[in-house]
Amino acid sequence: MTTVSHTLLALAVCASAAAFVSQASAQVDTQKAPPGPPNTISAHRMAALKKCTDGKKFAGDKYVACMTAEGEAP
């Protein structure tokens, strides 16, 4: 009698686990890219950022002056 009930319990656990796995794999990825063009930095801006920030202690006024001199918005 106990063997039958253990077998039925094992089958019920396996069935519920299989149902859970099938539901988890059936979910659709809802992550979408934001509207508009992708956020990319132009080569000119990247060069200006590197020149104005690379290896230097950050100072707001100097950064703004450097970026403005490079023709980029700070």
N, C-alpha and C. Protein backbone atom coordinates (compact mmCIF):
# COMPACT_ATOMS: atom_id res chain seq x y z
N MET A 1 0.82 -1.19 0.00
CA MET A 1 0.00 0.00 0.00
C MET A 1 0.86 1.26 0.00
N THR A 2 1.90 1.28 0.84
CA THR A 2 2.76 2.46 0.89
C THR A 2 3.55 2.61 -0.41
N THR A 3 3.91 1.52 -1.03
CA THR A 3 4.64 1.60 -2.29
C THR A 3 3.78 2.24 -3.37
N VAL A 4 2.50 1.92 -3.37
CA VAL A 4 1.58 2.51 -4.36
C VAL A 4 1.43 4.01 -4.10
N SER A 5 1.27 4.41 -2.86
CA SER A 5 1.09 5.83 -2.56
C SER A 5 2.39 6.60 -2.82
N HIS A 6 3.55 5.99 -2.56
CA HIS A 6 4.82 6.65 -2.87
C HIS A 6 4.99 6.82 -4.38
N THR A 7 4.58 5.81 -5.12
CA THR A 7 4.66 5.88 -6.57
C THR A 7 3.75 6.97 -7.11
N LEU A 8 2.54 7.05 -6.59
CA LEU A 8 1.60 8.08 -7.04
C LEU A 8 2.11 9.48 -6.67
N LEU A 9 2.69 9.61 -5.48
CA LEU A 9 3.25 10.89 -5.07
C LEU A 9 4.41 11.29 -5.98
N ALA A 10 5.27 10.35 -6.31
CA ALA A 10 6.39 10.62 -7.20
C ALA A 10 5.90 11.04 -8.59
N LEU A 11 4.88 10.40 -9.09
CA LEU A 11 4.31 10.76 -10.40
C LEU A 11 3.71 12.16 -10.36
N ALA A 12 3.02 12.49 -9.27
CA ALA A 12 2.42 13.81 -9.15
C ALA A 12 3.48 14.90 -9.11
N VAL A 13 4.57 14.65 -8.38
CA VAL A 13 5.66 15.62 -8.30
C VAL A 13 6.31 15.81 -9.67
N CYS A 14 6.55 14.73 -10.37
CA CYS A 14 7.15 14.82 -11.71
C CYS A 14 6.24 15.55 -12.68
N ALA A 15 4.95 15.30 -12.60
CA ALA A 15 4.00 15.97 -13.50
C ALA A 15 3.95 17.46 -13.23
N SER A 16 3.96 17.85 -11.95
CA SER A 16 3.92 19.28 -11.65
C SER A 16 5.23 19.95 -12.05
N ALA A 17 6.35 19.27 -11.89
CA ALA A 17 7.64 19.83 -12.30
C ALA A 17 7.69 20.00 -13.81
N ALA A 18 7.16 19.02 -14.54
CA ALA A 18 7.15 19.11 -16.01
C ALA A 18 6.25 20.25 -16.46
N ALA A 19 5.14 20.45 -15.80
CA ALA A 19 4.23 21.56 -16.16
C ALA A 19 4.91 22.89 -15.90
N PHE A 20 5.65 23.01 -14.78
CA PHE A 20 6.35 24.25 -14.47
C PHE A 20 7.42 24.55 -15.51
N VAL A 21 8.19 23.55 -15.89
CA VAL A 21 9.26 23.74 -16.87
C VAL A 21 8.68 24.16 -18.21
N SER A 22 7.58 23.57 -18.62
CA SER A 22 7.01 23.92 -19.92
C SER A 22 6.47 25.34 -19.91
N GLN A 23 5.92 25.79 -18.78
CA GLN A 23 5.44 27.17 -18.70
C GLN A 23 6.60 28.15 -18.71
N ALA A 24 7.67 27.83 -18.01
CA ALA A 24 8.82 28.72 -17.95
C ALA A 24 9.48 28.87 -19.32
N SER A 25 9.55 27.79 -20.08
CA SER A 25 10.18 27.88 -21.39
C SER A 25 9.26 28.50 -22.43
N ALA A 26 7.96 28.57 -22.16
CA ALA A 26 7.02 29.13 -23.12
C ALA A 26 6.91 30.65 -23.02
N GLN A 27 7.50 31.25 -21.99
CA GLN A 27 7.40 32.70 -21.84
C GLN A 27 8.22 33.39 -22.91
N VAL A 28 7.68 34.46 -23.43
CA VAL A 28 8.31 35.21 -24.52
C VAL A 28 9.14 36.34 -23.94
N ASP A 29 10.28 36.60 -24.53
CA ASP A 29 11.12 37.71 -24.10
C ASP A 29 10.44 39.02 -24.49
N THR A 30 10.15 39.85 -23.51
CA THR A 30 9.43 41.10 -23.77
C THR A 30 10.34 42.31 -23.77
N GLN A 31 11.63 42.10 -23.62
CA GLN A 31 12.56 43.23 -23.65
C GLN A 31 12.69 43.73 -25.08
N LYS A 32 12.42 44.99 -25.28
CA LYS A 32 12.54 45.58 -26.61
C LYS A 32 13.52 46.74 -26.54
N ALA A 33 14.14 47.02 -27.65
CA ALA A 33 15.05 48.16 -27.72
C ALA A 33 14.24 49.45 -27.60
N PRO A 34 14.78 50.48 -26.97
CA PRO A 34 14.05 51.74 -26.86
C PRO A 34 13.86 52.36 -28.24
N PRO A 35 12.81 53.14 -28.41
CA PRO A 35 12.58 53.78 -29.72
C PRO A 35 13.68 54.80 -30.02
N GLY A 36 13.89 55.04 -31.29
CA GLY A 36 14.88 56.02 -31.70
C GLY A 36 16.19 55.37 -32.09
N PRO A 37 17.13 56.18 -32.50
CA PRO A 37 18.42 55.63 -32.93
C PRO A 37 19.19 55.08 -31.72
N PRO A 38 20.09 54.12 -31.95
CA PRO A 38 20.87 53.59 -30.85
C PRO A 38 21.81 54.65 -30.28
N ASN A 39 22.12 54.54 -29.02
CA ASN A 39 23.00 55.51 -28.38
C ASN A 39 24.44 55.20 -28.75
N THR A 40 24.96 55.94 -29.70
CA THR A 40 26.35 55.76 -30.10
C THR A 40 27.06 57.10 -29.98
N ILE A 41 28.34 57.03 -29.71
CA ILE A 41 29.14 58.24 -29.58
C ILE A 41 30.00 58.34 -30.84
N SER A 42 30.01 59.51 -31.44
CA SER A 42 30.81 59.69 -32.65
C SER A 42 32.30 59.59 -32.32
N ALA A 43 33.08 59.31 -33.32
CA ALA A 43 34.52 59.19 -33.12
C ALA A 43 35.12 60.52 -32.65
N HIS A 44 34.58 61.63 -33.17
CA HIS A 44 35.07 62.96 -32.78
C HIS A 44 34.81 63.21 -31.31
N ARG A 45 33.59 62.88 -30.85
CA ARG A 45 33.26 63.08 -29.43
C ARG A 45 34.08 62.14 -28.55
N MET A 46 34.27 60.91 -28.99
CA MET A 46 35.05 59.97 -28.21
C MET A 46 36.48 60.47 -28.05
N ALA A 47 37.06 61.03 -29.12
CA ALA A 47 38.42 61.57 -29.05
C ALA A 47 38.47 62.77 -28.10
N ALA A 48 37.45 63.62 -28.15
CA ALA A 48 37.40 64.78 -27.26
C ALA A 48 37.27 64.35 -25.81
N LEU A 49 36.43 63.37 -25.54
CA LEU A 49 36.27 62.87 -24.17
C LEU A 49 37.58 62.28 -23.65
N LYS A 50 38.27 61.53 -24.52
CA LYS A 50 39.54 60.93 -24.10
C LYS A 50 40.57 62.01 -23.81
N LYS A 51 40.63 63.03 -24.66
CA LYS A 51 41.61 64.11 -24.47
C LYS A 51 41.30 64.89 -23.19
N CYS A 52 40.04 65.13 -22.91
CA CYS A 52 39.67 65.99 -21.78
C CYS A 52 39.57 65.25 -20.45
N THR A 53 39.56 63.93 -20.47
CA THR A 53 39.38 63.21 -19.21
C THR A 53 40.44 62.15 -18.94
N ASP A 54 41.15 61.67 -19.93
CA ASP A 54 42.05 60.54 -19.76
C ASP A 54 43.25 60.88 -18.88
N GLY A 55 43.33 60.21 -17.73
CA GLY A 55 44.48 60.36 -16.85
C GLY A 55 44.56 61.69 -16.12
N LYS A 56 43.48 62.45 -16.13
CA LYS A 56 43.49 63.75 -15.47
C LYS A 56 42.50 63.75 -14.32
N LYS A 57 42.85 64.47 -13.27
CA LYS A 57 41.92 64.65 -12.18
C LYS A 57 40.77 65.52 -12.69
N PHE A 58 39.54 65.11 -12.39
CA PHE A 58 38.40 65.83 -12.93
C PHE A 58 38.26 67.20 -12.28
N ALA A 59 38.15 68.21 -13.13
CA ALA A 59 37.87 69.57 -12.69
C ALA A 59 36.81 70.11 -13.64
N GLY A 60 35.63 70.44 -13.12
CA GLY A 60 34.48 70.81 -13.94
C GLY A 60 34.76 71.92 -14.93
N ASP A 61 35.36 73.01 -14.48
CA ASP A 61 35.59 74.15 -15.37
C ASP A 61 36.57 73.81 -16.48
N LYS A 62 37.62 73.07 -16.15
CA LYS A 62 38.61 72.68 -17.16
C LYS A 62 38.01 71.72 -18.17
N TYR A 63 37.16 70.80 -17.69
CA TYR A 63 36.50 69.85 -18.58
C TYR A 63 35.59 70.58 -19.56
N VAL A 64 34.80 71.51 -19.07
CA VAL A 64 33.88 72.27 -19.93
C VAL A 64 34.69 73.08 -20.94
N ALA A 65 35.75 73.74 -20.49
CA ALA A 65 36.59 74.53 -21.40
C ALA A 65 37.23 73.64 -22.47
N CYS A 66 37.72 72.47 -22.07
CA CYS A 66 38.36 71.56 -23.01
C CYS A 66 37.35 71.02 -24.04
N MET A 67 36.20 70.59 -23.58
CA MET A 67 35.19 70.06 -24.50
C MET A 67 34.70 71.15 -25.45
N THR A 68 34.53 72.36 -24.95
CA THR A 68 34.11 73.47 -25.81
C THR A 68 35.19 73.77 -26.85
N ALA A 69 36.45 73.74 -26.46
CA ALA A 69 37.54 73.98 -27.40
C ALA A 69 37.60 72.89 -28.47
N GLU A 70 37.18 71.68 -28.12
CA GLU A 70 37.15 70.58 -29.08
C GLU A 70 35.91 70.62 -29.98
N GLY A 71 35.00 71.55 -29.70
CA GLY A 71 33.80 71.68 -30.52
C GLY A 71 32.68 70.73 -30.12
N GLU A 72 32.71 70.24 -28.90
CA GLU A 72 31.69 69.32 -28.40
C GLU A 72 30.98 69.93 -27.22
N ALA A 73 29.74 69.52 -27.04
CA ALA A 73 28.99 69.97 -25.87
C ALA A 73 29.48 69.18 -24.65
N PRO A 74 29.68 69.86 -23.53
CA PRO A 74 30.14 69.14 -22.34
C PRO A 74 29.04 68.29 -21.83
